[in-house]
Amino acid sequence: IDECMRLGAGHPMGPLALLDYVGLDVSQAIGEAIESPVPQTVRDLVAAGHLGKKTGRGLHDYAR
């Protein structure tokens, strides 16, 4: 998805990378504040402490 959005649509980063950059915990809080559904995958990652780039793991793995 991210690669398609970068290469095909010319976006600087894909939507999943953007969520990791912002932080999955922040994204979850925003979704709840505006009463938008938060995917269970995001909830599970936040509960496991995988918050995105700031923790080295989220929807992508940054530990490399």
N, C-alpha and C. Protein backbone atom coordinates (compact mmCIF):
# COMPACT_ATOMS: atom_id res chain seq x y z
N ILE A 1 0.84 -1.19 0.00
CA ILE A 1 0.00 0.00 0.00
C ILE A 1 0.88 1.25 0.00
N ASP A 2 1.85 1.27 0.91
CA ASP A 2 2.71 2.46 0.99
C ASP A 2 3.50 2.67 -0.30
N GLU A 3 4.06 1.60 -0.83
CA GLU A 3 4.84 1.73 -2.05
C GLU A 3 3.97 2.19 -3.22
N CYS A 4 2.76 1.67 -3.31
CA CYS A 4 1.84 2.09 -4.38
C CYS A 4 1.51 3.59 -4.26
N MET A 5 1.29 4.05 -3.06
CA MET A 5 0.96 5.47 -2.88
C MET A 5 2.15 6.37 -3.18
N ARG A 6 3.36 5.90 -2.83
CA ARG A 6 4.55 6.70 -3.12
C ARG A 6 4.84 6.71 -4.61
N LEU A 7 4.91 5.53 -5.21
CA LEU A 7 5.30 5.43 -6.62
C LEU A 7 4.17 5.78 -7.57
N GLY A 8 2.97 5.32 -7.28
CA GLY A 8 1.85 5.51 -8.20
C GLY A 8 1.15 6.85 -8.06
N ALA A 9 1.05 7.34 -6.83
CA ALA A 9 0.31 8.59 -6.61
C ALA A 9 1.22 9.77 -6.30
N GLY A 10 2.52 9.49 -6.15
CA GLY A 10 3.47 10.57 -5.92
C GLY A 10 3.45 11.15 -4.51
N HIS A 11 2.87 10.43 -3.57
CA HIS A 11 2.85 10.90 -2.19
C HIS A 11 4.24 10.74 -1.57
N PRO A 12 4.65 11.62 -0.67
CA PRO A 12 5.97 11.49 -0.06
C PRO A 12 6.11 10.26 0.83
N MET A 13 5.01 9.79 1.40
CA MET A 13 5.01 8.54 2.17
C MET A 13 3.60 7.96 2.11
N GLY A 14 3.53 6.68 2.34
CA GLY A 14 2.23 6.01 2.29
C GLY A 14 1.45 6.21 3.58
N PRO A 15 0.17 5.84 3.57
CA PRO A 15 -0.68 6.07 4.73
C PRO A 15 -0.27 5.27 5.97
N LEU A 16 0.25 4.07 5.78
CA LEU A 16 0.65 3.27 6.94
C LEU A 16 1.94 3.84 7.56
N ALA A 17 2.87 4.26 6.73
CA ALA A 17 4.08 4.90 7.23
C ALA A 17 3.74 6.20 7.95
N LEU A 18 2.76 6.92 7.43
CA LEU A 18 2.34 8.17 8.07
C LEU A 18 1.76 7.90 9.46
N LEU A 19 0.95 6.85 9.60
CA LEU A 19 0.42 6.49 10.92
C LEU A 19 1.56 6.17 11.89
N ASP A 20 2.56 5.42 11.42
CA ASP A 20 3.72 5.10 12.27
C ASP A 20 4.48 6.37 12.65
N TYR A 21 4.61 7.29 11.71
CA TYR A 21 5.35 8.53 11.96
C TYR A 21 4.66 9.38 13.02
N VAL A 22 3.34 9.49 12.92
CA VAL A 22 2.55 10.26 13.89
C VAL A 22 2.55 9.54 15.23
N GLY A 23 2.47 8.23 15.19
CA GLY A 23 2.39 7.41 16.40
C GLY A 23 1.03 6.75 16.45
N LEU A 24 1.02 5.44 16.59
CA LEU A 24 -0.25 4.72 16.59
C LEU A 24 -1.10 5.10 17.80
N ASP A 25 -0.45 5.41 18.91
CA ASP A 25 -1.19 5.84 20.10
C ASP A 25 -1.88 7.18 19.86
N VAL A 26 -1.17 8.08 19.20
CA VAL A 26 -1.74 9.40 18.88
C VAL A 26 -2.87 9.23 17.86
N SER A 27 -2.64 8.40 16.86
CA SER A 27 -3.66 8.15 15.84
C SER A 27 -4.92 7.54 16.46
N GLN A 28 -4.73 6.61 17.39
CA GLN A 28 -5.87 6.00 18.07
C GLN A 28 -6.64 7.05 18.88
N ALA A 29 -5.91 7.89 19.60
CA ALA A 29 -6.56 8.93 20.41
C ALA A 29 -7.34 9.91 19.53
N ILE A 30 -6.77 10.26 18.39
CA ILE A 30 -7.47 11.16 17.47
C ILE A 30 -8.74 10.50 16.95
N GLY A 31 -8.63 9.23 16.53
CA GLY A 31 -9.79 8.51 16.04
C GLY A 31 -10.91 8.45 17.07
N GLU A 32 -10.54 8.16 18.32
CA GLU A 32 -11.54 8.10 19.37
C GLU A 32 -12.14 9.48 19.65
N ALA A 33 -11.32 10.53 19.61
CA ALA A 33 -11.81 11.88 19.89
C ALA A 33 -12.82 12.36 18.85
N ILE A 34 -12.61 11.95 17.60
CA ILE A 34 -13.54 12.37 16.55
C ILE A 34 -14.58 11.29 16.26
N GLU A 35 -14.62 10.30 17.13
CA GLU A 35 -15.59 9.20 17.04
C GLU A 35 -15.54 8.48 15.70
N SER A 36 -14.32 8.22 15.25
CA SER A 36 -14.09 7.47 14.02
C SER A 36 -13.65 6.06 14.41
N PRO A 37 -14.06 5.05 13.67
CA PRO A 37 -13.64 3.69 14.02
C PRO A 37 -12.13 3.52 13.96
N VAL A 38 -11.56 2.91 14.98
CA VAL A 38 -10.13 2.63 15.02
C VAL A 38 -9.98 1.13 14.76
N PRO A 39 -9.22 0.74 13.72
CA PRO A 39 -9.07 -0.68 13.40
C PRO A 39 -8.50 -1.48 14.59
N GLN A 40 -8.95 -2.70 14.73
CA GLN A 40 -8.49 -3.56 15.82
C GLN A 40 -6.99 -3.79 15.75
N THR A 41 -6.43 -3.85 14.55
CA THR A 41 -4.98 -4.01 14.39
C THR A 41 -4.24 -2.88 15.08
N VAL A 42 -4.70 -1.66 14.92
CA VAL A 42 -4.07 -0.51 15.56
C VAL A 42 -4.21 -0.62 17.07
N ARG A 43 -5.38 -0.97 17.55
CA ARG A 43 -5.60 -1.14 18.99
C ARG A 43 -4.68 -2.21 19.57
N ASP A 44 -4.52 -3.32 18.85
CA ASP A 44 -3.66 -4.41 19.32
C ASP A 44 -2.20 -3.99 19.38
N LEU A 45 -1.75 -3.27 18.35
CA LEU A 45 -0.35 -2.80 18.34
C LEU A 45 -0.09 -1.82 19.48
N VAL A 46 -1.02 -0.91 19.72
CA VAL A 46 -0.87 0.06 20.82
C VAL A 46 -0.82 -0.68 22.16
N ALA A 47 -1.69 -1.66 22.34
CA ALA A 47 -1.72 -2.43 23.59
C ALA A 47 -0.42 -3.19 23.80
N ALA A 48 0.23 -3.61 22.71
CA ALA A 48 1.50 -4.33 22.80
C ALA A 48 2.70 -3.40 22.94
N GLY A 49 2.44 -2.08 22.89
CA GLY A 49 3.54 -1.11 23.01
C GLY A 49 4.26 -0.81 21.72
N HIS A 50 3.71 -1.27 20.61
CA HIS A 50 4.30 -1.00 19.29
C HIS A 50 3.62 0.25 18.73
N LEU A 51 4.22 1.40 19.02
CA LEU A 51 3.58 2.67 18.73
C LEU A 51 4.02 3.32 17.43
N GLY A 52 4.89 2.67 16.69
CA GLY A 52 5.36 3.24 15.44
C GLY A 52 6.83 3.54 15.49
N LYS A 53 7.23 4.53 14.76
CA LYS A 53 8.64 4.86 14.60
C LYS A 53 9.32 5.16 15.94
N LYS A 54 8.61 5.78 16.87
CA LYS A 54 9.22 6.17 18.15
C LYS A 54 9.59 4.98 19.02
N THR A 55 8.99 3.82 18.78
CA THR A 55 9.35 2.62 19.54
C THR A 55 10.08 1.60 18.68
N GLY A 56 10.27 1.90 17.40
CA GLY A 56 10.98 1.01 16.50
C GLY A 56 10.10 -0.03 15.83
N ARG A 57 8.82 -0.05 16.19
CA ARG A 57 7.91 -1.02 15.58
C ARG A 57 6.48 -0.50 15.65
N GLY A 58 5.77 -0.70 14.58
CA GLY A 58 4.35 -0.35 14.49
C GLY A 58 3.77 -1.16 13.36
N LEU A 59 3.22 -0.49 12.37
CA LEU A 59 2.76 -1.19 11.18
C LEU A 59 3.96 -1.62 10.33
N HIS A 60 5.09 -0.97 10.49
CA HIS A 60 6.36 -1.34 9.88
C HIS A 60 7.36 -1.60 11.00
N ASP A 61 8.45 -2.31 10.66
CA ASP A 61 9.53 -2.58 11.63
C ASP A 61 10.69 -1.65 11.32
N TYR A 62 11.06 -0.82 12.30
CA TYR A 62 12.14 0.16 12.11
C TYR A 62 13.43 -0.24 12.82
N ALA A 63 13.50 -1.46 13.33
CA ALA A 63 14.64 -1.92 14.11
C ALA A 63 15.85 -2.26 13.26
N ARG A 64 15.70 -2.25 11.96
CA ARG A 64 16.80 -2.63 11.07
C ARG A 64 17.94 -1.68 11.14
